[in-house]
């Protein structure tokens, strides 16, 4: 479970970094689209990891 926690945290951190890049005023439109797409992918992946962790928790809770 620790590995998934680390992956989750890494993905959230990566999304934050991309958001900071998007906040800059001198960013090119093409770069902003790439940052946005990559950030959304990181957040989607993090959400999947979170959903998996919830499922494991629920399964363990039923035992």
N, C-alpha and C. Protein backbone atom coordinates (compact mmCIF):
# COMPACT_ATOMS: atom_id res chain seq x y z
N UNK A 1 0.82 -1.20 0.00
CA UNK A 1 0.00 0.00 0.00
C UNK A 1 0.86 1.26 0.00
N UNK A 2 2.02 1.22 0.61
CA UNK A 2 2.90 2.38 0.67
C UNK A 2 3.30 2.84 -0.73
N UNK A 3 3.55 1.88 -1.64
CA UNK A 3 3.95 2.23 -3.00
C UNK A 3 2.84 3.01 -3.69
N UNK A 4 1.59 2.60 -3.51
CA UNK A 4 0.47 3.31 -4.12
C UNK A 4 0.31 4.69 -3.50
N UNK A 5 0.55 4.81 -2.20
CA UNK A 5 0.48 6.12 -1.55
C UNK A 5 1.51 7.05 -2.17
N UNK A 6 2.71 6.53 -2.39
CA UNK A 6 3.78 7.32 -2.96
C UNK A 6 3.41 7.74 -4.38
N UNK A 7 2.89 6.81 -5.16
CA UNK A 7 2.47 7.14 -6.52
C UNK A 7 1.38 8.20 -6.51
N UNK A 8 0.43 8.06 -5.59
CA UNK A 8 -0.66 9.04 -5.48
C UNK A 8 -0.09 10.42 -5.19
N UNK A 9 0.77 10.49 -4.20
CA UNK A 9 1.37 11.77 -3.82
C UNK A 9 2.20 12.36 -4.95
N UNK A 10 2.92 11.51 -5.67
CA UNK A 10 3.72 11.98 -6.80
C UNK A 10 2.84 12.56 -7.90
N UNK A 11 1.73 11.90 -8.16
CA UNK A 11 0.83 12.37 -9.21
C UNK A 11 0.18 13.70 -8.82
N UNK A 12 -0.19 13.84 -7.57
CA UNK A 12 -0.77 15.09 -7.10
C UNK A 12 0.28 16.21 -7.18
N UNK A 13 1.49 15.91 -6.79
CA UNK A 13 2.58 16.90 -6.85
C UNK A 13 2.85 17.32 -8.29
N UNK A 14 2.86 16.35 -9.20
CA UNK A 14 3.09 16.65 -10.61
C UNK A 14 1.96 17.55 -11.14
N UNK A 15 0.72 17.26 -10.75
CA UNK A 15 -0.41 18.09 -11.18
C UNK A 15 -0.27 19.52 -10.64
N UNK A 16 0.20 19.65 -9.41
CA UNK A 16 0.42 20.99 -8.83
C UNK A 16 1.48 21.75 -9.61
N UNK A 17 2.55 21.06 -9.98
CA UNK A 17 3.62 21.69 -10.76
C UNK A 17 3.08 22.19 -12.10
N UNK A 18 2.26 21.36 -12.74
CA UNK A 18 1.68 21.75 -14.03
C UNK A 18 0.73 22.93 -13.86
N UNK A 19 -0.02 22.95 -12.78
CA UNK A 19 -0.91 24.07 -12.51
C UNK A 19 -0.12 25.36 -12.32
N UNK A 20 1.00 25.28 -11.63
CA UNK A 20 1.86 26.46 -11.47
C UNK A 20 2.37 26.96 -12.81
N UNK A 21 2.73 26.03 -13.69
CA UNK A 21 3.18 26.43 -15.02
C UNK A 21 2.06 27.10 -15.80
N UNK A 22 0.84 26.58 -15.64
CA UNK A 22 -0.32 27.18 -16.32
C UNK A 22 -0.62 28.58 -15.82
N UNK A 23 -0.25 28.87 -14.60
CA UNK A 23 -0.54 30.17 -14.00
C UNK A 23 0.36 31.29 -14.52
N UNK A 24 1.43 30.93 -15.18
CA UNK A 24 2.36 31.94 -15.68
C UNK A 24 1.73 32.68 -16.87
N UNK A 25 1.96 33.96 -16.92
CA UNK A 25 1.36 34.81 -17.97
C UNK A 25 2.05 34.67 -19.32
N UNK A 26 3.31 34.31 -19.32
CA UNK A 26 4.07 34.27 -20.58
C UNK A 26 4.07 32.90 -21.25
N UNK A 27 3.11 32.06 -20.93
CA UNK A 27 3.05 30.72 -21.47
C UNK A 27 2.40 30.72 -22.86
N UNK A 28 2.94 29.93 -23.76
CA UNK A 28 2.37 29.81 -25.11
C UNK A 28 1.10 28.96 -25.04
N UNK A 29 0.19 29.21 -25.94
CA UNK A 29 -1.08 28.48 -25.95
C UNK A 29 -0.87 26.98 -26.11
N UNK A 30 0.02 26.60 -27.02
CA UNK A 30 0.27 25.17 -27.24
C UNK A 30 0.85 24.52 -25.97
N UNK A 31 1.72 25.24 -25.27
CA UNK A 31 2.28 24.72 -24.02
C UNK A 31 1.20 24.60 -22.96
N UNK A 32 0.33 25.58 -22.89
CA UNK A 32 -0.73 25.54 -21.88
C UNK A 32 -1.66 24.36 -22.12
N UNK A 33 -1.94 24.05 -23.38
CA UNK A 33 -2.79 22.89 -23.69
C UNK A 33 -2.11 21.59 -23.27
N UNK A 34 -0.82 21.51 -23.53
CA UNK A 34 -0.07 20.31 -23.12
C UNK A 34 -0.05 20.18 -21.60
N UNK A 35 0.21 21.27 -20.90
CA UNK A 35 0.23 21.23 -19.44
C UNK A 35 -1.14 20.83 -18.89
N UNK A 36 -2.19 21.37 -19.50
CA UNK A 36 -3.54 21.05 -19.05
C UNK A 36 -3.84 19.55 -19.25
N UNK A 37 -3.55 19.04 -20.44
CA UNK A 37 -3.80 17.62 -20.73
C UNK A 37 -3.01 16.72 -19.78
N UNK A 38 -1.74 17.05 -19.60
CA UNK A 38 -0.89 16.24 -18.72
C UNK A 38 -1.37 16.33 -17.27
N UNK A 39 -1.77 17.51 -16.85
CA UNK A 39 -2.28 17.68 -15.48
C UNK A 39 -3.55 16.89 -15.25
N UNK A 40 -4.45 16.91 -16.23
CA UNK A 40 -5.70 16.15 -16.10
C UNK A 40 -5.42 14.65 -16.05
N UNK A 41 -4.45 14.20 -16.83
CA UNK A 41 -4.09 12.77 -16.80
C UNK A 41 -3.54 12.39 -15.43
N UNK A 42 -2.68 13.23 -14.88
CA UNK A 42 -2.12 12.95 -13.55
C UNK A 42 -3.23 12.88 -12.51
N UNK A 43 -4.19 13.80 -12.58
CA UNK A 43 -5.30 13.79 -11.62
C UNK A 43 -6.21 12.58 -11.81
N UNK A 44 -6.45 12.19 -13.05
CA UNK A 44 -7.26 11.00 -13.31
C UNK A 44 -6.57 9.75 -12.77
N UNK A 45 -5.27 9.66 -13.00
CA UNK A 45 -4.51 8.51 -12.48
C UNK A 45 -4.53 8.50 -10.95
N UNK A 46 -4.39 9.66 -10.34
CA UNK A 46 -4.43 9.75 -8.88
C UNK A 46 -5.80 9.33 -8.36
N UNK A 47 -6.86 9.73 -9.06
CA UNK A 47 -8.21 9.35 -8.66
C UNK A 47 -8.41 7.84 -8.74
N UNK A 48 -7.86 7.22 -9.77
CA UNK A 48 -7.94 5.76 -9.91
C UNK A 48 -7.24 5.08 -8.73
N UNK A 49 -6.06 5.59 -8.37
CA UNK A 49 -5.34 5.02 -7.23
C UNK A 49 -6.13 5.18 -5.94
N UNK A 50 -6.76 6.33 -5.79
CA UNK A 50 -7.57 6.58 -4.61
C UNK A 50 -8.78 5.64 -4.57
N UNK A 51 -9.42 5.43 -5.71
CA UNK A 51 -10.56 4.52 -5.79
C UNK A 51 -10.15 3.09 -5.45
N UNK A 52 -8.99 2.68 -5.94
CA UNK A 52 -8.47 1.34 -5.64
C UNK A 52 -8.22 1.19 -4.14
N UNK A 53 -7.66 2.22 -3.54
CA UNK A 53 -7.38 2.18 -2.10
C UNK A 53 -8.68 2.09 -1.31
N UNK A 54 -9.70 2.81 -1.74
CA UNK A 54 -11.00 2.75 -1.07
C UNK A 54 -11.59 1.35 -1.16
N UNK A 55 -11.46 0.73 -2.34
CA UNK A 55 -11.98 -0.62 -2.54
C UNK A 55 -11.27 -1.61 -1.62
N UNK A 56 -9.96 -1.51 -1.53
CA UNK A 56 -9.20 -2.39 -0.64
C UNK A 56 -9.63 -2.16 0.81
N UNK A 57 -9.80 -0.91 1.19
CA UNK A 57 -10.22 -0.59 2.55
C UNK A 57 -11.59 -1.19 2.85
N UNK A 58 -12.53 -1.07 1.91
CA UNK A 58 -13.87 -1.62 2.11
C UNK A 58 -13.82 -3.13 2.22
N UNK A 59 -12.99 -3.77 1.41
CA UNK A 59 -12.86 -5.23 1.44
C UNK A 59 -12.28 -5.68 2.77
N UNK A 60 -11.28 -4.95 3.26
CA UNK A 60 -10.67 -5.28 4.55
C UNK A 60 -11.65 -5.04 5.69
N UNK A 61 -12.48 -4.04 5.55
CA UNK A 61 -13.45 -3.68 6.59
C UNK A 61 -14.51 -4.77 6.72
N UNK A 62 -14.83 -5.45 5.63
CA UNK A 62 -15.85 -6.49 5.64
C UNK A 62 -15.36 -7.77 6.30
N UNK A 63 -14.07 -7.95 6.41
CA UNK A 63 -13.51 -9.19 6.98
C UNK A 63 -13.69 -9.25 8.47
